[in-house]
């Protein structure tokens, strides 16, 4: 029974995007392990508050991630 945790910064992905992540990760695991394990394949999205996730010593915000993605911060609503 696999459990996949995906950590993201809160406010980066919309509800629809998170649902898509869950579906696609589940489908990928099932492609590897077989359809019999679909019902026991867990995928969790763990949202980390802005400023509580850092890369290279710099705390990240949702706006910074949106800028990296080439999107405006207001384009996504969590």
Protein backbone atom coordinates (compact mmCIF):
# COMPACT_ATOMS: atom_id res chain seq x y z
CA UNK A 1 0.00 0.00 0.00
CA UNK A 2 1.94 3.05 -1.20
CA UNK A 3 1.60 6.46 0.38
CA UNK A 4 2.87 9.36 -1.69
CA UNK A 5 3.26 12.76 0.01
CA UNK A 6 3.64 15.83 -2.17
CA UNK A 7 4.69 19.00 -0.40
CA UNK A 8 3.78 22.34 -1.99
CA UNK A 9 3.70 25.94 -0.85
CA UNK A 10 0.17 26.98 0.11
CA UNK A 11 -1.48 29.16 -2.50
CA UNK A 12 0.57 27.94 -5.47
CA UNK A 13 -1.83 25.34 -6.89
CA UNK A 14 -5.59 25.66 -7.37
CA UNK A 15 -8.04 23.03 -6.11
CA UNK A 16 -8.37 21.73 -9.67
CA UNK A 17 -4.60 21.46 -10.10
CA UNK A 18 -4.27 19.56 -6.83
CA UNK A 19 -7.00 17.15 -7.95
CA UNK A 20 -5.11 16.63 -11.22
CA UNK A 21 -1.86 15.97 -9.35
CA UNK A 22 -3.60 13.36 -7.19
CA UNK A 23 -5.19 11.66 -10.20
CA UNK A 24 -2.00 11.57 -12.27
CA UNK A 25 0.23 10.40 -9.43
CA UNK A 26 -2.29 7.66 -8.57
CA UNK A 27 -2.44 6.60 -12.23
CA UNK A 28 1.37 6.50 -12.39
CA UNK A 29 1.63 4.33 -9.29
CA UNK A 30 -1.06 1.98 -10.61
CA UNK A 31 0.81 1.71 -13.93
CA UNK A 32 3.82 0.48 -11.93
CA UNK A 33 2.16 -1.68 -9.28
CA UNK A 34 -1.00 -2.89 -11.06
CA UNK A 35 -4.65 -1.88 -10.97
CA UNK A 36 -5.41 -4.23 -8.08
CA UNK A 37 -3.68 -1.75 -5.75
CA UNK A 38 -5.55 1.37 -6.96
CA UNK A 39 -7.96 1.28 -4.02
CA UNK A 40 -5.10 1.29 -1.52
CA UNK A 41 -2.85 3.83 -3.22
CA UNK A 42 -2.78 6.99 -1.15
CA UNK A 43 -1.69 10.40 -2.41
CA UNK A 44 -1.60 13.35 -0.01
CA UNK A 45 -0.86 16.95 -0.80
CA UNK A 46 0.75 18.70 2.14
CA UNK A 47 0.62 22.48 1.96
CA UNK A 48 3.41 24.38 3.67
CA UNK A 49 2.78 27.98 4.72
CA UNK A 50 4.59 30.72 2.83
CA UNK A 51 7.92 31.53 4.41
CA UNK A 52 8.23 28.08 6.00
CA UNK A 53 9.93 26.58 2.94
CA UNK A 54 13.34 27.82 1.87
CA UNK A 55 15.78 27.09 -0.92
CA UNK A 56 19.35 28.20 -0.53
CA UNK A 57 18.48 30.00 2.69
CA UNK A 58 15.74 32.11 1.05
CA UNK A 59 12.19 31.61 2.30
CA UNK A 60 9.73 31.24 -0.58
CA UNK A 61 6.27 32.69 -1.02
CA UNK A 62 3.52 31.68 -3.42
CA UNK A 63 4.16 34.89 -5.37
CA UNK A 64 7.80 33.95 -5.85
CA UNK A 65 6.82 30.51 -7.17
CA UNK A 66 4.27 32.08 -9.53
CA UNK A 67 6.99 34.40 -10.79
CA UNK A 68 9.22 31.36 -11.45
CA UNK A 69 6.34 29.76 -13.33
CA UNK A 70 5.90 32.94 -15.37
CA UNK A 71 2.46 33.64 -13.90
CA UNK A 72 1.01 36.43 -11.85
CA UNK A 73 0.38 35.58 -8.21
CA UNK A 74 -3.28 36.55 -8.58
CA UNK A 75 -3.78 33.98 -11.37
CA UNK A 76 -4.05 31.16 -8.83
CA UNK A 77 -6.42 30.90 -5.95
CA UNK A 78 -6.03 28.07 -3.49
